[in-house]
Structure formats: C-alpha cells, structure tokens
Amino acid sequence: MSKAEGYNTALCYQDAPPCVCCDAQMTSLDDYCEECQTPAEITRSVSQRHAKPHFISVVGPSNAGKTVYLGLLLDMLCGGAKNLKGVPNGAFSIKLQEQVVSALEERRFPEKTPNESDLWKWLHCVVTDSSQRKEKQVDFVAPDFAGEAIATELEQPGTYAAVSHIVQRTSAFLLLCDSAEVRDNGAREDLFAMKLGSYISQQQALSELGKSRDLTPAVAIVFTKSDTCPEAAADPRRFMTNNMPRFMDYCQHNFPRHAVFSASVVGSSALLSNDVGGVARVPFHIQPRGVIEPLHWAIQNS
C-alpha cells in the first residue's frame, strides 16, 4: 500500500463513527455495517445529532402489524399527538411512513418486511414530550424488524446480529400481538411471547442485575388490530390475563415496568377474496386508536 493509499484509508476511518447498533468500526465509504448490516445513514444521522440514541424496539411475531404500526406512529408524531411531537431526522426516516400511508390510502396493507436485515427500513425521530412541566426530548431510533427474522433469532441466537445487538441496547420494547390471533390461538402467542421475554432477559443479562426497576427495560404489550377484537379493546389487561397467562406471570416477575395496551389503525376492514381464491384483509378507512399511548408510556418509563 502506498503512502497516499494509507493516508486515504486512515481518513476513511477517522471521519466515520462506530456503528450505532453494534459499535463496530465503519469507514466513511461503507453503506452498511459489515457486522450487523445496519445502514450507515442511521449511524451518521445519530452521530450528527451528538445525542445518545434511545432505542425503543417494536417487536412481535410475523403479521402482528409492526410495519403498519411504526409507519402510522411516525405519521402521527410528525403532526403532533397527545403531547408528543416528532421530527424525522433524515430522509430515510420518512420511507417507512410513506410506504405505510400510501398503502392505506390505496385501501391495502403494505408488503411484508423482507427477512434480510440490510433491507429493513429504519427511523430516527427526535421526539419531544411536553406532558410534564419539564420537556423531555429523546432520539427515538428503531428498525422495522421482520417477524420471521425475530422468530429465527429466538430459535437460533446469533443468526441475525442486528436483532441481538439492538435488543441489548433497547430501553423499552413495544411487543405487538395480533389480538384476534391471541383470542383464537392464545397458547401459541403466549409461548412466543415467553420465548421473546426470555431472549430479552438473556441478551440484557437481567439475571445478573437483579430485579431493580431502574435496570430492567420497560415492556409495553400492545394488542393490535383491536377493531376486529372487542374484548382486547375493552380491557387489554384482562384480555392478556385470560389469553396469555404465562407471559403475564413472566412480566410480573421479570419486568417490573410493564403495561398493556390495545391499538388499531383502521376504523373498519373486511376479508375479501380475489379471482384465484386468495383472501386478504382490506382496510376501508384510517382511524388510529391507541397508537401513540404505548410510545408515550415507553418514553416516560425508560
């Protein structure tokens, strides 16, 4: 390597911050972190703010509604809702919002998130909470996890480096569960949540820290699509006690800061079939309910 090449290489490293997700050293020429595939633009975005990123991770099984929830949440934050106001930091943060809002306006739900972590959309939103006398501002950072990637990581830890690194850094989790699936297949959803809770405890080494409220992450359980499940909408905590008793008990013993919510993004929807016999749920109009409250709680409790 010539002196000029060595100098240019040194400059590439000198100007590049470490990955916001895993702390691996990056260069200014990288598009993604080689270790965990986190986009370089999210690392640069956080670094330029000179603020500590506040990871609030939206997790859950496949088809729980994570993409729709995150996209509409960002859209509502931009407009300001319930004492929260958000400002996206970087054009990449608007991609998810645009994808979700455009799909809902066309009376369809967006495509499933691909399993490949380098294709996940990320958001970095500076959120101001003005509900208290003293305003609180956090740099809300989150990826749109693929549910199947989460499930694979739970079964084979280390398969998705991005999942493990982000879980380790997460201050609050929003665990999304499809309320109709919980009602109809409660045991399966309950056991998935148990595996996820155990994974979080393991990744954050909570058994070594004790049960101090200040050391454990905040966990909000959010029953999504509650427009199709009146029981979840009426009393989310009772709904969880009746349908996910194992995870309720796990939260009470391992996550002192936990709360239960219900949410929906559409006022009404229906299952329609196409010409080849396929069935898909179609949203008729956007009418978000309970979308902001879990995030507000997470910010105040983490």
Protein backbone atom coordinates (compact mmCIF):
# COMPACT_ATOMS: atom_id res chain seq x y z
CA MET A 1 0.00 0.00 0.00
CA SER A 2 1.38 3.41 -0.99
CA LYS A 3 1.59 6.30 1.45
CA ALA A 4 -1.27 8.03 -0.37
CA GLU A 5 -3.48 4.94 -0.15
CA GLY A 6 -2.65 4.52 3.52
CA TYR A 7 -3.47 8.17 4.17
CA ASN A 8 -6.81 7.89 2.38
CA THR A 9 -7.68 4.73 4.30
CA ALA A 10 -6.86 6.45 7.58
CA LEU A 11 -9.11 9.36 6.62
CA CYS A 12 -11.98 6.97 5.86
CA TYR A 13 -11.76 5.57 9.38
CA GLN A 14 -11.09 8.92 11.03
CA ASP A 15 -14.26 10.53 9.69
CA ALA A 16 -16.56 7.58 10.40
CA PRO A 17 -18.31 6.99 13.74
CA PRO A 18 -18.73 3.42 15.06
CA CYS A 19 -21.95 1.60 14.18
CA VAL A 20 -24.84 2.84 16.31
CA CYS A 21 -26.09 -0.72 16.64
CA CYS A 22 -23.02 -2.85 17.43
CA ASP A 23 -20.11 -0.36 17.85
CA ALA A 24 -18.14 -1.96 15.01
CA GLN A 25 -15.76 0.46 13.34
CA MET A 26 -17.03 1.70 9.99
CA THR A 27 -15.49 3.78 7.22
CA SER A 28 -16.96 6.80 5.50
CA LEU A 29 -17.31 4.68 2.35
CA ASP A 30 -19.50 1.99 3.94
CA ASP A 31 -23.18 1.74 3.06
CA TYR A 32 -23.84 -0.87 5.75
CA CYS A 33 -22.12 -2.15 8.86
CA GLU A 34 -20.26 -5.35 7.96
CA GLU A 35 -21.05 -6.85 11.36
CA CYS A 36 -24.83 -6.33 11.64
CA GLN A 37 -25.95 -4.77 8.31
CA THR A 38 -27.25 -1.60 9.96
CA PRO A 39 -27.38 1.18 7.31
CA ALA A 40 -24.54 3.68 7.59
CA GLU A 41 -27.03 6.53 7.15
CA ILE A 42 -28.70 5.78 10.51
CA THR A 43 -25.29 5.80 12.22
CA ARG A 44 -24.38 9.12 10.58
CA SER A 45 -27.78 10.57 11.45
CA VAL A 46 -27.42 9.75 15.15
CA SER A 47 -23.77 10.84 15.25
CA GLN A 48 -24.54 14.25 13.76
CA ARG A 49 -27.10 14.88 16.48
CA HIS A 50 -24.48 14.34 19.22
CA ALA A 51 -27.22 12.74 21.32
CA LYS A 52 -27.49 9.29 22.85
CA PRO A 53 -29.87 7.13 20.77
CA HIS A 54 -32.95 5.93 22.63
CA PHE A 55 -33.75 2.51 21.21
CA ILE A 56 -37.45 1.69 21.53
CA SER A 57 -37.91 -1.58 19.67
CA VAL A 58 -41.19 -2.67 18.12
CA VAL A 59 -41.11 -6.47 18.23
CA GLY A 60 -43.53 -9.34 17.79
CA PRO A 61 -44.36 -12.32 15.58
CA SER A 62 -44.96 -12.16 11.84
CA ASN A 63 -48.22 -10.45 10.81
CA ALA A 64 -48.64 -8.67 14.15
CA GLY A 65 -48.81 -5.32 12.33
CA LYS A 66 -45.37 -3.92 13.20
CA THR A 67 -44.77 -2.16 9.87
CA VAL A 68 -48.20 -0.50 9.82
CA TYR A 69 -47.92 0.49 13.47
CA LEU A 70 -44.46 2.05 13.08
CA GLY A 71 -45.33 3.89 9.87
CA LEU A 72 -48.55 5.36 11.23
CA LEU A 73 -46.88 6.15 14.56
CA LEU A 74 -44.29 8.24 12.76
CA ASP A 75 -47.00 9.94 10.71
CA MET A 76 -48.90 10.89 13.88
CA LEU A 77 -45.73 12.09 15.62
CA CYS A 78 -45.00 14.42 12.71
CA GLY A 79 -48.41 16.03 13.16
CA GLY A 80 -48.17 16.09 16.94
CA ALA A 81 -50.43 13.99 19.16
CA LYS A 82 -51.07 13.67 22.92
CA ASN A 83 -48.22 15.99 23.95
CA LEU A 84 -45.74 14.23 21.67
CA LYS A 85 -44.18 15.91 18.66
CA GLY A 86 -41.72 14.18 16.37
CA VAL A 87 -39.32 15.46 13.74
CA PRO A 88 -37.78 12.82 11.43
CA ASN A 89 -34.01 13.14 11.21
CA GLY A 90 -33.01 12.19 7.70
CA ALA A 91 -34.95 11.37 4.55
CA PHE A 92 -34.58 7.63 5.22
CA SER A 93 -36.85 8.01 8.26
CA ILE A 94 -39.72 9.07 6.01
CA LYS A 95 -39.53 5.99 3.76
CA LEU A 96 -41.44 3.80 6.20
CA GLN A 97 -44.04 6.49 6.83
CA GLU A 98 -44.50 6.99 3.09
CA GLN A 99 -44.80 3.24 2.44
CA VAL A 100 -47.49 2.73 5.08
CA VAL A 101 -49.57 5.86 4.50
CA SER A 102 -49.56 5.37 0.71
CA ALA A 103 -50.69 1.75 1.06
CA LEU A 104 -53.51 2.57 3.48
CA GLU A 105 -54.74 5.38 1.24
CA GLU A 106 -54.94 2.82 -1.57
CA ARG A 107 -57.01 0.57 0.72
CA ARG A 108 -54.37 -2.09 1.14
CA PHE A 109 -51.79 -3.06 3.72
CA PRO A 110 -48.08 -2.74 2.88
CA GLU A 111 -45.95 -5.68 1.80
CA LYS A 112 -44.34 -7.86 4.46
CA THR A 113 -40.93 -6.76 5.68
CA PRO A 114 -38.19 -8.84 3.99
CA ASN A 115 -36.11 -11.13 6.21
CA GLU A 116 -32.80 -9.70 5.01
CA SER A 117 -31.66 -7.17 7.63
CA ASP A 118 -29.99 -4.90 5.05
CA LEU A 119 -33.45 -4.33 3.51
CA TRP A 120 -35.15 -3.23 6.75
CA LYS A 121 -36.34 0.35 6.97
CA TRP A 122 -35.14 2.40 9.94
CA LEU A 123 -36.39 5.54 11.57
CA HIS A 124 -34.65 8.20 13.62
CA CYS A 125 -37.13 10.67 15.05
CA VAL A 126 -36.43 13.42 17.57
CA VAL A 127 -39.47 13.23 19.88
CA THR A 128 -40.41 15.97 22.34
CA ASP A 129 -42.67 15.05 25.25
CA SER A 130 -44.35 18.17 26.65
CA SER A 131 -46.75 16.40 29.01
CA GLN A 132 -44.69 17.33 32.09
CA ARG A 133 -43.57 20.72 33.36
CA LYS A 134 -40.08 19.98 32.07
CA GLU A 135 -40.00 18.89 28.44
CA LYS A 136 -38.24 15.63 27.63
CA GLN A 137 -36.55 15.06 24.29
CA VAL A 138 -35.36 11.68 23.04
CA ASP A 139 -33.76 10.46 19.84
CA PHE A 140 -36.18 7.63 19.04
CA VAL A 141 -34.34 5.04 16.94
CA ALA A 142 -35.98 1.85 15.67
CA PRO A 143 -35.78 -0.60 12.77
CA ASP A 144 -38.79 -2.26 11.18
CA PHE A 145 -37.91 -5.81 12.24
CA ALA A 146 -39.17 -8.73 10.15
CA GLY A 147 -41.25 -11.01 12.36
CA GLU A 148 -39.78 -14.13 10.77
CA ALA A 149 -36.27 -12.83 11.47
CA ILE A 150 -37.17 -12.36 15.13
CA ALA A 151 -38.60 -15.90 15.28
CA THR A 152 -35.45 -17.32 13.67
CA GLU A 153 -33.20 -15.41 16.09
CA LEU A 154 -35.17 -16.77 19.05
CA GLU A 155 -34.65 -20.33 17.82
CA GLN A 156 -31.04 -19.84 16.68
CA PRO A 157 -29.45 -16.94 18.60
CA GLY A 158 -26.78 -15.17 16.57
CA THR A 159 -28.44 -15.73 13.19
CA TYR A 160 -29.44 -12.06 12.96
CA ALA A 161 -26.70 -9.95 14.53
CA ALA A 162 -28.80 -6.79 14.18
CA VAL A 163 -31.58 -8.26 16.33
CA SER A 164 -29.28 -9.30 19.17
CA HIS A 165 -27.30 -6.04 19.22
CA ILE A 166 -30.41 -3.86 19.17
CA VAL A 167 -32.14 -5.90 21.87
CA GLN A 168 -29.08 -5.43 24.06
CA ARG A 169 -29.32 -1.64 23.65
CA THR A 170 -33.09 -1.27 23.87
CA SER A 171 -34.52 0.82 26.72
CA ALA A 172 -38.16 -0.05 26.01
CA PHE A 173 -39.94 -2.69 23.98
CA LEU A 174 -43.33 -2.43 22.32
CA LEU A 175 -44.40 -6.07 21.95
CA LEU A 176 -47.14 -6.22 19.32
CA CYS A 177 -49.58 -9.14 19.31
CA ASP A 178 -52.43 -9.67 16.85
CA SER A 179 -55.46 -9.59 19.17
CA ALA A 180 -57.52 -11.96 17.01
CA GLU A 181 -54.64 -14.46 16.90
CA VAL A 182 -54.28 -14.22 20.68
CA ARG A 183 -58.02 -14.81 21.11
CA ASP A 184 -58.09 -17.77 18.72
CA ASN A 185 -54.61 -19.26 19.32
CA GLY A 186 -53.70 -17.95 22.74
CA ALA A 187 -51.26 -20.70 23.74
CA ARG A 188 -49.12 -20.24 20.63
CA GLU A 189 -48.93 -16.46 21.03
CA ASP A 190 -48.33 -16.83 24.77
CA LEU A 191 -45.38 -19.17 24.25
CA PHE A 192 -43.86 -16.94 21.55
CA ALA A 193 -44.00 -14.00 23.96
CA MET A 194 -42.40 -16.18 26.64
CA LYS A 195 -39.51 -17.04 24.31
CA LEU A 196 -39.10 -13.38 23.41
CA GLY A 197 -39.16 -12.33 27.06
CA SER A 198 -36.53 -14.94 27.91
CA TYR A 199 -34.40 -13.80 24.97
CA ILE A 200 -34.57 -10.18 26.14
CA SER A 201 -33.61 -11.21 29.68
CA GLN A 202 -30.68 -13.23 28.35
CA GLN A 203 -29.39 -10.56 25.96
CA GLN A 204 -29.56 -7.86 28.62
CA ALA A 205 -28.17 -10.20 31.32
CA LEU A 206 -31.04 -9.29 33.64
CA SER A 207 -30.43 -12.29 35.89
CA GLU A 208 -27.08 -10.77 36.84
CA LEU A 209 -28.60 -7.36 37.59
CA GLY A 210 -31.42 -8.35 39.94
CA LYS A 211 -34.96 -7.05 39.68
CA SER A 212 -34.33 -3.33 40.13
CA ARG A 213 -36.87 -1.25 38.18
CA ASP A 214 -34.08 1.06 37.03
CA LEU A 215 -32.12 -1.76 35.40
CA THR A 216 -34.86 -3.63 33.57
CA PRO A 217 -36.32 -2.43 30.25
CA ALA A 218 -39.85 -1.09 30.03
CA VAL A 219 -42.16 -3.53 28.21
CA ALA A 220 -45.47 -2.47 26.66
CA ILE A 221 -47.67 -5.28 25.38
CA VAL A 222 -49.84 -3.91 22.56
CA PHE A 223 -52.79 -5.89 21.20
CA THR A 224 -53.06 -4.73 17.60
CA LYS A 225 -56.00 -4.87 15.18
CA SER A 226 -58.34 -4.40 18.13
CA ASP A 227 -61.03 -3.18 15.70
CA THR A 228 -61.53 -6.90 14.98
CA CYS A 229 -61.45 -7.96 18.65
CA PRO A 230 -63.77 -6.03 21.01
CA GLU A 231 -62.52 -7.97 24.06
CA ALA A 232 -58.98 -6.67 23.62
CA ALA A 233 -60.20 -3.13 23.02
CA ALA A 234 -62.45 -3.10 26.09
CA ASP A 235 -59.94 -4.32 28.71
CA PRO A 236 -56.44 -5.15 27.39
CA ARG A 237 -55.02 -6.28 30.73
CA ARG A 238 -57.88 -8.69 31.44
CA PHE A 239 -57.62 -9.92 27.85
CA MET A 240 -53.94 -10.70 28.43
CA THR A 241 -54.61 -12.40 31.77
CA ASN A 242 -57.23 -14.64 30.16
CA ASN A 243 -55.35 -15.46 26.96
CA MET A 244 -51.63 -15.10 27.74
CA PRO A 245 -51.37 -16.09 31.43
CA ARG A 246 -47.82 -17.43 31.17
CA PHE A 247 -46.38 -14.22 29.79
CA MET A 248 -48.43 -12.11 32.20
CA ASP A 249 -46.84 -14.01 35.07
CA TYR A 250 -43.40 -13.69 33.43
CA CYS A 251 -43.77 -9.91 33.14
CA GLN A 252 -44.84 -9.56 36.76
CA HIS A 253 -41.73 -11.43 37.91
CA ASN A 254 -39.13 -10.18 35.41
CA PHE A 255 -40.26 -6.83 34.00
CA PRO A 256 -41.38 -4.56 36.89
CA ARG A 257 -42.11 -1.82 34.36
CA HIS A 258 -44.75 -3.30 32.07
CA ALA A 259 -48.13 -2.13 30.82
CA VAL A 260 -50.82 -3.48 28.49
CA PHE A 261 -52.50 -1.58 25.64
CA SER A 262 -54.75 -2.14 22.65
CA ALA A 263 -54.40 -0.37 19.32
CA SER A 264 -55.89 -0.27 15.85
CA VAL A 265 -55.09 1.77 12.76
CA VAL A 266 -58.27 1.32 10.74
CA GLY A 267 -61.87 2.06 11.58
CA SER A 268 -63.15 -0.94 9.67
CA SER A 269 -61.82 -3.66 7.39
CA ALA A 270 -63.03 -6.82 5.68
CA LEU A 271 -61.70 -10.08 4.30
CA LEU A 272 -62.10 -10.09 0.52
CA SER A 273 -61.26 -12.84 -1.96
CA ASN A 274 -59.68 -12.34 -5.36
CA ASP A 275 -60.22 -14.12 -8.69
CA VAL A 276 -57.91 -17.01 -7.79
CA GLY A 277 -59.39 -17.68 -4.37
CA GLY A 278 -56.84 -15.80 -2.30
CA VAL A 279 -58.12 -13.93 0.75
CA ALA A 280 -56.73 -10.65 2.05
CA ARG A 281 -57.88 -8.12 4.62
CA VAL A 282 -58.70 -4.74 3.10
CA PRO A 283 -58.73 -1.53 5.18
CA PHE A 284 -61.66 0.77 4.39
CA HIS A 285 -60.52 3.92 6.18
CA ILE A 286 -57.76 5.05 8.53
CA GLN A 287 -58.91 5.66 12.09
CA PRO A 288 -56.00 5.19 14.50
CA ARG A 289 -56.79 4.37 18.12
CA GLY A 290 -54.30 3.73 20.89
CA VAL A 291 -51.26 4.14 18.62
CA ILE A 292 -49.49 6.96 20.49
CA GLU A 293 -50.17 5.84 24.08
CA PRO A 294 -47.72 2.88 24.19
CA LEU A 295 -44.86 5.04 22.89
CA HIS A 296 -45.70 7.84 25.34
CA TRP A 297 -45.66 5.35 28.21
CA ALA A 298 -42.37 3.87 26.96
CA ILE A 299 -40.68 7.28 26.80
CA GLN A 300 -41.84 8.17 30.30
CA ASN A 301 -40.76 4.83 31.76
CA SER A 302 -37.36 4.31 30.15
